[in-house]
Amino acid sequence: MNPSHPPQIYRLRTPNSPASPKICRDTVGLLLNATGHHELTDAASLLVSELVTNVGLHTRSLAVRLETVVRLDRVRVSVYDDEPARPAPPPAIDLGAENGRGLLLIEAMAQSWGVGSAHPHSPNGKHVWFELRGHGWC
């Protein structure tokens, strides 16, 4: 990494509500367009929307925390909630289903992704992250 261009870290905390996916999606889109990562905007917006929607559907977390780390050649987005990580069942592909394809999309579109604890020394909370690589600053 070029020391003259340190990573830019942006954080957002929003209530876990039906508006959260749009708020987080729009925020990530604005950040990527403003930092010259136009080519990553559509993919990142879709993936963050999927992750934030999962928080609303599958947790009792009161808040969603979004962290976007922008580097010269890549972007890493993390979505935090207050529920501990638990093993996920193997994804079943039901093309007619209204939901259940979010992690499959992330697997297909992101260069890397994973799940981790929210804090290294806390059993509560987790984050799901993905990374997209781009062409650098415009």
Protein backbone atom coordinates (compact mmCIF):
# COMPACT_ATOMS: atom_id res chain seq x y z
CA MET A 1 0.00 0.00 0.00
CA ASN A 2 1.20 3.49 -0.82
CA PRO A 3 1.85 5.39 2.45
CA SER A 4 0.93 8.68 0.77
CA HIS A 5 -2.61 7.33 0.31
CA PRO A 6 -3.72 5.84 3.64
CA PRO A 7 -7.07 4.04 3.70
CA GLN A 8 -10.12 6.19 4.18
CA ILE A 9 -12.50 4.77 6.80
CA TYR A 10 -16.15 5.78 6.91
CA ARG A 11 -18.62 4.63 9.56
CA LEU A 12 -22.39 4.89 9.82
CA ARG A 13 -24.75 3.75 12.56
CA THR A 14 -28.44 3.49 11.75
CA PRO A 15 -31.42 2.00 13.57
CA ASN A 16 -32.31 -1.48 12.38
CA SER A 17 -35.41 -0.50 10.42
CA PRO A 18 -36.95 -1.12 7.00
CA ALA A 19 -35.17 2.04 5.76
CA SER A 20 -31.70 0.78 6.80
CA PRO A 21 -30.86 -1.13 3.58
CA LYS A 22 -31.55 1.95 1.43
CA ILE A 23 -29.69 4.29 3.77
CA CYS A 24 -26.61 2.03 3.81
CA ARG A 25 -26.80 1.29 0.07
CA ASP A 26 -27.02 4.99 -0.81
CA THR A 27 -24.21 5.87 1.59
CA VAL A 28 -21.84 3.29 0.08
CA GLY A 29 -22.78 4.40 -3.44
CA LEU A 30 -22.03 8.04 -2.64
CA LEU A 31 -18.71 7.14 -1.00
CA LEU A 32 -17.54 5.07 -3.94
CA ASN A 33 -18.56 7.66 -6.51
CA ALA A 34 -16.90 10.44 -4.49
CA THR A 35 -13.65 8.48 -4.13
CA GLY A 36 -13.34 7.49 -7.79
CA HIS A 37 -14.49 3.87 -7.52
CA HIS A 38 -17.40 4.28 -9.93
CA GLU A 39 -16.93 0.78 -11.34
CA LEU A 40 -17.59 -0.77 -7.91
CA THR A 41 -20.70 1.25 -7.02
CA ASP A 42 -23.37 -1.09 -8.40
CA ALA A 43 -21.87 -4.28 -6.96
CA ALA A 44 -21.11 -2.75 -3.56
CA SER A 45 -24.56 -1.17 -3.32
CA LEU A 46 -26.27 -4.48 -4.07
CA LEU A 47 -24.13 -6.46 -1.64
CA VAL A 48 -24.44 -4.00 1.25
CA SER A 49 -28.19 -3.93 0.72
CA GLU A 50 -28.27 -7.74 1.00
CA LEU A 51 -26.23 -7.75 4.21
CA VAL A 52 -28.23 -5.01 5.90
CA THR A 53 -31.48 -6.68 4.87
CA ASN A 54 -30.21 -9.88 6.53
CA VAL A 55 -29.68 -7.97 9.78
CA GLY A 56 -33.32 -6.85 9.67
CA LEU A 57 -34.65 -10.29 8.79
CA HIS A 58 -32.50 -12.53 10.97
CA THR A 59 -31.48 -10.58 14.08
CA ARG A 60 -33.00 -8.64 16.95
CA SER A 61 -30.19 -6.10 16.75
CA LEU A 62 -31.38 -2.57 17.49
CA ALA A 63 -28.76 -0.97 15.26
CA VAL A 64 -26.82 -1.64 12.09
CA ARG A 65 -23.25 -0.41 11.90
CA LEU A 66 -21.63 0.04 8.53
CA GLU A 67 -17.91 0.47 7.96
CA THR A 68 -16.46 1.19 4.54
CA VAL A 69 -12.70 1.16 4.06
CA VAL A 70 -11.65 2.74 0.77
CA ARG A 71 -8.14 2.07 -0.55
CA LEU A 72 -6.52 2.90 -3.86
CA ASP A 73 -7.35 -0.42 -5.47
CA ARG A 74 -10.11 -1.94 -3.35
CA VAL A 75 -13.00 -1.38 -1.01
CA ARG A 76 -13.96 -3.39 2.05
CA VAL A 77 -17.45 -3.07 3.48
CA SER A 78 -18.42 -4.51 6.88
CA VAL A 79 -21.92 -4.71 8.34
CA TYR A 80 -22.10 -5.16 12.12
CA ASP A 81 -24.99 -6.33 14.29
CA ASP A 82 -25.44 -7.33 17.93
CA GLU A 83 -26.14 -11.04 17.46
CA PRO A 84 -23.38 -13.63 17.89
CA ALA A 85 -22.23 -15.52 14.85
CA ARG A 86 -23.75 -18.95 14.42
CA PRO A 87 -23.06 -21.62 11.86
CA ALA A 88 -25.16 -21.14 8.78
CA PRO A 89 -26.81 -24.09 7.09
CA PRO A 90 -25.50 -24.88 3.62
CA PRO A 91 -27.21 -22.56 1.15
CA ALA A 92 -30.12 -24.14 -0.64
CA ILE A 93 -30.78 -22.63 -4.03
CA ASP A 94 -34.45 -21.98 -4.64
CA LEU A 95 -34.62 -19.74 -7.69
CA GLY A 96 -38.29 -19.05 -7.06
CA ALA A 97 -37.78 -17.87 -3.49
CA GLU A 98 -38.12 -14.20 -2.59
CA ASN A 99 -35.07 -14.34 -0.31
CA GLY A 100 -32.16 -16.56 0.66
CA ARG A 101 -29.76 -15.63 -2.13
CA GLY A 102 -27.82 -12.83 -0.43
CA LEU A 103 -24.77 -14.84 0.58
CA LEU A 104 -24.76 -16.56 -2.80
CA LEU A 105 -24.57 -13.12 -4.44
CA ILE A 106 -21.71 -12.13 -2.17
CA GLU A 107 -19.87 -15.36 -2.95
CA ALA A 108 -20.31 -14.74 -6.68
CA MET A 109 -19.55 -11.02 -6.82
CA ALA A 110 -16.97 -10.26 -4.12
CA GLN A 111 -13.28 -11.08 -4.44
CA SER A 112 -13.34 -12.14 -0.79
CA TRP A 113 -15.76 -12.13 2.15
CA GLY A 114 -16.20 -13.52 5.62
CA VAL A 115 -17.76 -13.37 9.06
CA GLY A 116 -16.06 -12.26 12.26
CA SER A 117 -16.84 -11.15 15.78
CA ALA A 118 -17.80 -7.53 16.31
CA HIS A 119 -15.00 -7.05 18.81
CA PRO A 120 -11.99 -9.31 19.30
CA HIS A 121 -12.64 -9.62 23.05
CA SER A 122 -16.45 -9.73 23.05
CA PRO A 123 -18.66 -12.78 22.50
CA ASN A 124 -21.57 -10.54 21.46
CA GLY A 125 -22.04 -9.28 17.96
CA LYS A 126 -20.59 -10.09 14.59
CA HIS A 127 -19.78 -8.53 11.28
CA VAL A 128 -20.06 -9.79 7.75
CA TRP A 129 -17.67 -8.22 5.29
CA PHE A 130 -16.86 -8.28 1.61
CA GLU A 131 -14.10 -6.86 -0.51
CA LEU A 132 -14.23 -5.61 -4.08
CA ARG A 133 -11.17 -4.67 -6.09
CA GLY A 134 -11.11 -1.80 -8.54
CA HIS A 135 -8.86 0.13 -10.84
CA GLY A 136 -7.78 2.84 -8.39
CA TRP A 137 -8.52 6.50 -8.04
CA CYS A 138 -9.77 8.54 -10.96
